PDB file of N, CA and C in Angstrom:
ATOM      1  N   UNK A   1     -14.299   0.315  -5.564  1.00  0.00           N
ATOM      2  CA  UNK A   1     -14.227  -0.333  -4.279  1.00  0.00           C
ATOM      3  C   UNK A   1     -15.598  -0.817  -3.831  1.00  0.00           C
ATOM      4  N   UNK A   2     -16.620  -0.063  -4.169  1.00  0.00           N
ATOM      5  CA  UNK A   2     -17.978  -0.457  -3.814  1.00  0.00           C
ATOM      6  C   UNK A   2     -18.329  -1.793  -4.456  1.00  0.00           C
ATOM      7  N   UNK A   3     -18.009  -1.941  -5.731  1.00  0.00           N
ATOM      8  CA  UNK A   3     -18.339  -3.167  -6.453  1.00  0.00           C
ATOM      9  C   UNK A   3     -17.568  -4.357  -5.890  1.00  0.00           C
ATOM     10  N   UNK A   4     -16.302  -4.152  -5.559  1.00  0.00           N
ATOM     11  CA  UNK A   4     -15.492  -5.218  -4.982  1.00  0.00           C
ATOM     12  C   UNK A   4     -16.060  -5.652  -3.633  1.00  0.00           C
ATOM     13  N   UNK A   5     -16.437  -4.687  -2.811  1.00  0.00           N
ATOM     14  CA  UNK A   5     -17.020  -4.998  -1.507  1.00  0.00           C
ATOM     15  C   UNK A   5     -18.311  -5.786  -1.671  1.00  0.00           C
ATOM     16  N   UNK A   6     -19.183  -5.347  -2.583  1.00  0.00           N
ATOM     17  CA  UNK A   6     -20.430  -6.072  -2.831  1.00  0.00           C
ATOM     18  C   UNK A   6     -20.157  -7.500  -3.272  1.00  0.00           C
ATOM     19  N   UNK A   7     -19.219  -7.679  -4.178  1.00  0.00           N
ATOM     20  CA  UNK A   7     -18.895  -9.011  -4.691  1.00  0.00           C
ATOM     21  C   UNK A   7     -18.415  -9.933  -3.567  1.00  0.00           C
ATOM     22  N   UNK A   8     -17.516  -9.449  -2.740  1.00  0.00           N
ATOM     23  CA  UNK A   8     -16.991 -10.264  -1.638  1.00  0.00           C
ATOM     24  C   UNK A   8     -18.114 -10.663  -0.686  1.00  0.00           C
ATOM     25  N   UNK A   9     -18.933  -9.701  -0.276  1.00  0.00           N
ATOM     26  CA  UNK A   9     -19.998  -9.983   0.692  1.00  0.00           C
ATOM     27  C   UNK A   9     -21.054 -10.899   0.088  1.00  0.00           C
ATOM     28  N   UNK A  10     -21.400 -10.706  -1.175  1.00  0.00           N
ATOM     29  CA  UNK A  10     -22.393 -11.567  -1.824  1.00  0.00           C
ATOM     30  C   UNK A  10     -21.947 -13.024  -1.835  1.00  0.00           C
ATOM     31  N   UNK A  11     -20.659 -13.269  -1.947  1.00  0.00           N
ATOM     32  CA  UNK A  11     -20.144 -14.640  -1.954  1.00  0.00           C
ATOM     33  C   UNK A  11     -20.189 -15.278  -0.566  1.00  0.00           C
ATOM     34  N   UNK A  12     -20.322 -14.471   0.482  1.00  0.00           N
ATOM     35  CA  UNK A  12     -20.327 -14.986   1.850  1.00  0.00           C
ATOM     36  C   UNK A  12     -21.714 -15.343   2.369  1.00  0.00           C
ATOM     37  N   UNK A  13     -22.753 -14.717   1.841  1.00  0.00           N
ATOM     38  CA  UNK A  13     -24.095 -14.850   2.411  1.00  0.00           C
ATOM     39  C   UNK A  13     -24.977 -15.782   1.592  1.00  0.00           C
ATOM     40  N   UNK A  14     -26.093 -16.193   2.207  1.00  0.00           N
ATOM     41  CA  UNK A  14     -27.059 -17.065   1.536  1.00  0.00           C
ATOM     42  C   UNK A  14     -28.044 -16.285   0.674  1.00  0.00           C
ATOM     43  N   UNK A  15     -28.220 -14.993   0.965  1.00  0.00           N
ATOM     44  CA  UNK A  15     -29.143 -14.145   0.207  1.00  0.00           C
ATOM     45  C   UNK A  15     -28.366 -12.997  -0.443  1.00  0.00           C
ATOM     46  N   UNK A  16     -27.642 -13.276  -1.521  1.00  0.00           N
ATOM     47  CA  UNK A  16     -26.816 -12.225  -2.137  1.00  0.00           C
ATOM     48  C   UNK A  16     -27.628 -11.058  -2.687  1.00  0.00           C
ATOM     49  N   UNK A  17     -28.895 -11.301  -3.015  1.00  0.00           N
ATOM     50  CA  UNK A  17     -29.731 -10.215  -3.532  1.00  0.00           C
ATOM     51  C   UNK A  17     -30.052  -9.178  -2.458  1.00  0.00           C
ATOM     52  N   UNK A  18     -29.875  -9.529  -1.188  1.00  0.00           N
ATOM     53  CA  UNK A  18     -30.158  -8.605  -0.087  1.00  0.00           C
ATOM     54  C   UNK A  18     -28.951  -7.737   0.271  1.00  0.00           C
ATOM     55  N   UNK A  19     -27.834  -7.945  -0.393  1.00  0.00           N
ATOM     56  CA  UNK A  19     -26.613  -7.188  -0.093  1.00  0.00           C
ATOM     57  C   UNK A  19     -26.637  -5.854  -0.822  1.00  0.00           C
ATOM     58  N   UNK A  20     -26.339  -4.794  -0.079  1.00  0.00           N
ATOM     59  CA  UNK A  20     -26.148  -3.490  -0.716  1.00  0.00           C
ATOM     60  C   UNK A  20     -25.014  -2.764  -0.002  1.00  0.00           C
ATOM     61  N   UNK A  21     -24.304  -1.964  -0.761  1.00  0.00           N
ATOM     62  CA  UNK A  21     -23.195  -1.192  -0.208  1.00  0.00           C
ATOM     63  C   UNK A  21     -23.415   0.265  -0.574  1.00  0.00           C
ATOM     64  N   UNK A  22     -23.401   1.124   0.434  1.00  0.00           N
ATOM     65  CA  UNK A  22     -23.552   2.559   0.238  1.00  0.00           C
ATOM     66  C   UNK A  22     -22.168   3.197   0.314  1.00  0.00           C
ATOM     67  N   UNK A  23     -21.860   4.039  -0.658  1.00  0.00           N
ATOM     68  CA  UNK A  23     -20.541   4.667  -0.730  1.00  0.00           C
ATOM     69  C   UNK A  23     -20.672   6.176  -0.551  1.00  0.00           C
ATOM     70  N   UNK A  24     -19.884   6.719   0.376  1.00  0.00           N
ATOM     71  CA  UNK A  24     -19.815   8.159   0.593  1.00  0.00           C
ATOM     72  C   UNK A  24     -18.360   8.574   0.405  1.00  0.00           C
ATOM     73  N   UNK A  25     -18.129   9.545  -0.468  1.00  0.00           N
ATOM     74  CA  UNK A  25     -16.758   9.947  -0.798  1.00  0.00           C
ATOM     75  C   UNK A  25     -16.467  11.370  -0.343  1.00  0.00           C
ATOM     76  N   UNK A  26     -15.217  11.579   0.057  1.00  0.00           N
ATOM     77  CA  UNK A  26     -14.679  12.925   0.232  1.00  0.00           C
ATOM     78  C   UNK A  26     -13.343  12.940  -0.510  1.00  0.00           C
ATOM     79  N   UNK A  27     -12.582  14.003  -0.359  1.00  0.00           N
ATOM     80  CA  UNK A  27     -11.321  14.107  -1.099  1.00  0.00           C
ATOM     81  C   UNK A  27     -10.336  13.000  -0.755  1.00  0.00           C
ATOM     82  N   UNK A  28     -10.248  12.662   0.522  1.00  0.00           N
ATOM     83  CA  UNK A  28      -9.237  11.692   0.945  1.00  0.00           C
ATOM     84  C   UNK A  28      -9.812  10.411   1.539  1.00  0.00           C
ATOM     85  N   UNK A  29     -11.123  10.361   1.734  1.00  0.00           N
ATOM     86  CA  UNK A  29     -11.739   9.233   2.431  1.00  0.00           C
ATOM     87  C   UNK A  29     -12.931   8.690   1.662  1.00  0.00           C
ATOM     88  N   UNK A  30     -13.098   7.380   1.732  1.00  0.00           N
ATOM     89  CA  UNK A  30     -14.277   6.715   1.189  1.00  0.00           C
ATOM     90  C   UNK A  30     -14.892   5.906   2.328  1.00  0.00           C
ATOM     91  N   UNK A  31     -16.192   6.088   2.563  1.00  0.00           N
ATOM     92  CA  UNK A  31     -16.905   5.324   3.585  1.00  0.00           C
ATOM     93  C   UNK A  31     -17.839   4.353   2.876  1.00  0.00           C
ATOM     94  N   UNK A  32     -17.681   3.072   3.185  1.00  0.00           N
ATOM     95  CA  UNK A  32     -18.528   2.033   2.613  1.00  0.00           C
ATOM     96  C   UNK A  32     -19.345   1.412   3.736  1.00  0.00           C
ATOM     97  N   UNK A  33     -20.664   1.420   3.578  1.00  0.00           N
ATOM     98  CA  UNK A  33     -21.546   0.815   4.572  1.00  0.00           C
ATOM     99  C   UNK A  33     -22.233  -0.384   3.955  1.00  0.00           C
ATOM    100  N   UNK A  34     -22.036  -1.540   4.562  1.00  0.00           N
ATOM    101  CA  UNK A  34     -22.591  -2.795   4.064  1.00  0.00           C
ATOM    102  C   UNK A  34     -23.925  -3.058   4.749  1.00  0.00           C
ATOM    103  N   UNK A  35     -24.940  -3.395   3.949  1.00  0.00           N
ATOM    104  CA  UNK A  35     -26.235  -3.807   4.491  1.00  0.00           C
ATOM    105  C   UNK A  35     -26.526  -5.214   3.988  1.00  0.00           C
ATOM    106  N   UNK A  36     -26.868  -6.103   4.916  1.00  0.00           N
ATOM    107  CA  UNK A  36     -27.240  -7.478   4.575  1.00  0.00           C
ATOM    108  C   UNK A  36     -28.498  -7.833   5.351  1.00  0.00           C
ATOM    109  N   UNK A  37     -29.090  -8.978   5.013  1.00  0.00           N
ATOM    110  CA  UNK A  37     -30.241  -9.453   5.766  1.00  0.00           C
ATOM    111  C   UNK A  37     -29.836  -9.607   7.235  1.00  0.00           C
ATOM    112  N   UNK A  38     -30.750  -9.237   8.127  1.00  0.00           N
ATOM    113  CA  UNK A  38     -30.446  -9.207   9.558  1.00  0.00           C
ATOM    114  C   UNK A  38     -29.878 -10.532  10.071  1.00  0.00           C
ATOM    115  N   UNK A  39     -30.429 -11.638   9.585  1.00  0.00           N
ATOM    116  CA  UNK A  39     -29.981 -12.945  10.070  1.00  0.00           C
ATOM    117  C   UNK A  39     -28.606 -13.349   9.525  1.00  0.00           C
ATOM    118  N   UNK A  40     -28.060 -12.573   8.604  1.00  0.00           N
ATOM    119  CA  UNK A  40     -26.765 -12.910   8.009  1.00  0.00           C
ATOM    120  C   UNK A  40     -25.627 -11.983   8.430  1.00  0.00           C
ATOM    121  N   UNK A  41     -25.907 -11.071   9.337  1.00  0.00           N
ATOM    122  CA  UNK A  41     -24.858 -10.155   9.801  1.00  0.00           C
ATOM    123  C   UNK A  41     -23.694 -10.943  10.404  1.00  0.00           C
ATOM    124  N   UNK A  42     -24.009 -11.991  11.144  1.00  0.00           N
ATOM    125  CA  UNK A  42     -22.967 -12.813  11.760  1.00  0.00           C
ATOM    126  C   UNK A  42     -22.036 -13.458  10.748  1.00  0.00           C
ATOM    127  N   UNK A  43     -22.569 -13.818   9.591  1.00  0.00           N
ATOM    128  CA  UNK A  43     -21.735 -14.417   8.542  1.00  0.00           C
ATOM    129  C   UNK A  43     -20.712 -13.416   8.015  1.00  0.00           C
ATOM    130  N   UNK A  44     -21.106 -12.162   7.954  1.00  0.00           N
ATOM    131  CA  UNK A  44     -20.207 -11.123   7.439  1.00  0.00           C
ATOM    132  C   UNK A  44     -19.188 -10.710   8.502  1.00  0.00           C
ATOM    133  N   UNK A  45     -19.606 -10.685   9.758  1.00  0.00           N
ATOM    134  CA  UNK A  45     -18.687 -10.301  10.836  1.00  0.00           C
ATOM    135  C   UNK A  45     -17.698 -11.429  11.130  1.00  0.00           C
ATOM    136  N   UNK A  46     -18.207 -12.652  11.225  1.00  0.00           N
ATOM    137  CA  UNK A  46     -17.348 -13.797  11.513  1.00  0.00           C
ATOM    138  C   UNK A  46     -16.995 -13.901  12.980  1.00  0.00           C
ATOM    139  N   UNK A  47     -16.379 -15.013  13.325  1.00  0.00           N
ATOM    140  CA  UNK A  47     -15.989 -15.265  14.708  1.00  0.00           C
ATOM    141  C   UNK A  47     -14.912 -14.268  15.123  1.00  0.00           C
ATOM    142  N   UNK A  48     -15.185 -13.549  16.195  1.00  0.00           N
ATOM    143  CA  UNK A  48     -14.283 -12.509  16.722  1.00  0.00           C
ATOM    144  C   UNK A  48     -13.964 -11.433  15.685  1.00  0.00           C
ATOM    145  N   UNK A  49     -14.866 -11.240  14.708  1.00  0.00           N
ATOM    146  CA  UNK A  49     -14.688 -10.182  13.722  1.00  0.00           C
ATOM    147  C   UNK A  49     -13.653 -10.470  12.651  1.00  0.00           C
ATOM    148  N   UNK A  50     -13.246 -11.725  12.522  1.00  0.00           N
ATOM    149  CA  UNK A  50     -12.168 -12.052  11.584  1.00  0.00           C
ATOM    150  C   UNK A  50     -12.545 -11.780  10.131  1.00  0.00           C
ATOM    151  N   UNK A  51     -13.775 -12.088   9.740  1.00  0.00           N
ATOM    152  CA  UNK A  51     -14.155 -11.916   8.332  1.00  0.00           C
ATOM    153  C   UNK A  51     -14.260 -10.442   7.970  1.00  0.00           C
ATOM    154  N   UNK A  52     -14.943  -9.644   8.795  1.00  0.00           N
ATOM    155  CA  UNK A  52     -15.075  -8.216   8.473  1.00  0.00           C
ATOM    156  C   UNK A  52     -13.703  -7.541   8.501  1.00  0.00           C
ATOM    157  N   UNK A  53     -12.833  -7.956   9.397  1.00  0.00           N
ATOM    158  CA  UNK A  53     -11.484  -7.380   9.423  1.00  0.00           C
ATOM    159  C   UNK A  53     -10.704  -7.741   8.164  1.00  0.00           C
ATOM    160  N   UNK A  54     -10.894  -8.952   7.666  1.00  0.00           N
ATOM    161  CA  UNK A  54     -10.239  -9.352   6.416  1.00  0.00           C
ATOM    162  C   UNK A  54     -10.761  -8.529   5.243  1.00  0.00           C
ATOM    163  N   UNK A  55     -12.077  -8.329   5.208  1.00  0.00           N
ATOM    164  CA  UNK A  55     -12.671  -7.494   4.155  1.00  0.00           C
ATOM    165  C   UNK A  55     -12.091  -6.087   4.229  1.00  0.00           C
ATOM    166  N   UNK A  56     -12.016  -5.542   5.437  1.00  0.00           N
ATOM    167  CA  UNK A  56     -11.459  -4.193   5.619  1.00  0.00           C
ATOM    168  C   UNK A  56     -10.017  -4.119   5.125  1.00  0.00           C
ATOM    169  N   UNK A  57      -9.221  -5.141   5.434  1.00  0.00           N
ATOM    170  CA  UNK A  57      -7.817  -5.145   4.997  1.00  0.00           C
ATOM    171  C   UNK A  57      -7.702  -5.140   3.480  1.00  0.00           C
ATOM    172  N   UNK A  58      -8.501  -5.959   2.819  1.00  0.00           N
ATOM    173  CA  UNK A  58      -8.461  -6.019   1.353  1.00  0.00           C
ATOM    174  C   UNK A  58      -8.880  -4.685   0.752  1.00  0.00           C
ATOM    175  N   UNK A  59      -9.996  -4.138   1.224  1.00  0.00           N
ATOM    176  CA  UNK A  59     -10.519  -2.885   0.673  1.00  0.00           C
ATOM    177  C   UNK A  59      -9.567  -1.727   0.981  1.00  0.00           C
ATOM    178  N   UNK A  60      -8.962  -1.730   2.171  1.00  0.00           N
ATOM    179  CA  UNK A  60      -7.990  -0.684   2.506  1.00  0.00           C
ATOM    180  C   UNK A  60      -6.763  -0.754   1.610  1.00  0.00           C
ATOM    181  N   UNK A  61      -6.325  -1.957   1.258  1.00  0.00           N
ATOM    182  CA  UNK A  61      -5.177  -2.098   0.354  1.00  0.00           C
ATOM    183  C   UNK A  61      -5.494  -1.486  -1.007  1.00  0.00           C
ATOM    184  N   UNK A  62      -6.696  -1.727  -1.505  1.00  0.00           N
ATOM    185  CA  UNK A  62      -7.118  -1.133  -2.779  1.00  0.00           C
ATOM    186  C   UNK A  62      -7.201   0.388  -2.639  1.00  0.00           C
ATOM    187  N   UNK A  63      -7.746   0.848  -1.528  1.00  0.00           N
ATOM    188  CA  UNK A  63      -7.862   2.285  -1.293  1.00  0.00           C
ATOM    189  C   UNK A  63      -6.514   2.978  -1.230  1.00  0.00           C
ATOM    190  N   UNK A  64      -5.565   2.363  -0.532  1.00  0.00           N
ATOM    191  CA  UNK A  64      -4.221   2.955  -0.437  1.00  0.00           C
ATOM    192  C   UNK A  64      -3.576   3.066  -1.811  1.00  0.00           C
ATOM    193  N   UNK A  65      -3.816   2.072  -2.643  1.00  0.00           N
ATOM    194  CA  UNK A  65      -3.269   2.108  -4.005  1.00  0.00           C
ATOM    195  C   UNK A  65      -3.815   3.315  -4.765  1.00  0.00           C
ATOM    196  N   UNK A  66      -5.051   3.705  -4.451  1.00  0.00           N
ATOM    197  CA  UNK A  66      -5.688   4.857  -5.094  1.00  0.00           C
ATOM    198  C   UNK A  66      -5.533   6.140  -4.282  1.00  0.00           C
ATOM    199  N   UNK A  67      -4.762   6.098  -3.198  1.00  0.00           N
ATOM    200  CA  UNK A  67      -4.516   7.281  -2.390  1.00  0.00           C
ATOM    201  C   UNK A  67      -5.677   7.689  -1.503  1.00  0.00           C
ATOM    202  N   UNK A  68      -6.529   6.744  -1.136  1.00  0.00           N
ATOM    203  CA  UNK A  68      -7.699   7.042  -0.305  1.00  0.00           C
ATOM    204  C   UNK A  68      -7.672   6.217   0.971  1.00  0.00           C
ATOM    205  N   UNK A  69      -8.215   6.790   2.042  1.00  0.00           N
ATOM    206  CA  UNK A  69      -8.468   6.041   3.268  1.00  0.00           C
ATOM    207  C   UNK A  69      -9.882   5.490   3.147  1.00  0.00           C
ATOM    208  N   UNK A  70     -10.059   4.212   3.456  1.00  0.00           N
ATOM    209  CA  UNK A  70     -11.365   3.582   3.315  1.00  0.00           C
ATOM    210  C   UNK A  70     -11.850   3.109   4.679  1.00  0.00           C
ATOM    211  N   UNK A  71     -13.084   3.449   5.005  1.00  0.00           N
ATOM    212  CA  UNK A  71     -13.731   2.997   6.234  1.00  0.00           C
ATOM    213  C   UNK A  71     -14.872   2.080   5.830  1.00  0.00           C
ATOM    214  N   UNK A  72     -14.847   0.852   6.341  1.00  0.00           N
ATOM    215  CA  UNK A  72     -15.883  -0.130   6.014  1.00  0.00           C
ATOM    216  C   UNK A  72     -16.671  -0.425   7.282  1.00  0.00           C
ATOM    217  N   UNK A  73     -18.005  -0.269   7.198  1.00  0.00           N
ATOM    218  CA  UNK A  73     -18.871  -0.546   8.330  1.00  0.00           C
ATOM    219  C   UNK A  73     -20.046  -1.408   7.918  1.00  0.00           C
ATOM    220  N   UNK A  74     -20.791  -1.870   8.918  1.00  0.00           N
ATOM    221  CA  UNK A  74     -21.970  -2.696   8.663  1.00  0.00           C
ATOM    222  C   UNK A  74     -23.185  -1.999   9.256  1.00  0.00           C
ATOM    223  N   UNK A  75     -24.236  -1.842   8.443  1.00  0.00           N
ATOM    224  CA  UNK A  75     -25.501  -1.303   8.941  1.00  0.00           C
ATOM    225  C   UNK A  75     -26.206  -2.393   9.715  1.00  0.00           C
ATOM    226  N   UNK A  76     -26.758  -2.034  10.868  1.00  0.00           N
ATOM    227  CA  UNK A  76     -27.503  -3.021  11.655  1.00  0.00           C
ATOM    228  C   UNK A  76     -28.969  -2.742  11.616  1.00  0.00           C
TER     229      UNK A  76
END
């Protein structure tokens, strides 16, 4: 899931080399924290949060398939 999240976010931003995703796992939950260049946070969030919500939906679908709850956040 970490790799998929990185791939999606890298395709959205102008500086893909600045994208990193930190993954924290427990038995039932995976927390993914996205870090991007400060000036590109808006590109990842999108208007009214539509892009980040879409990313969350995709990653959650993958997580459910693997029996995990996934929380996706953005580091500021």
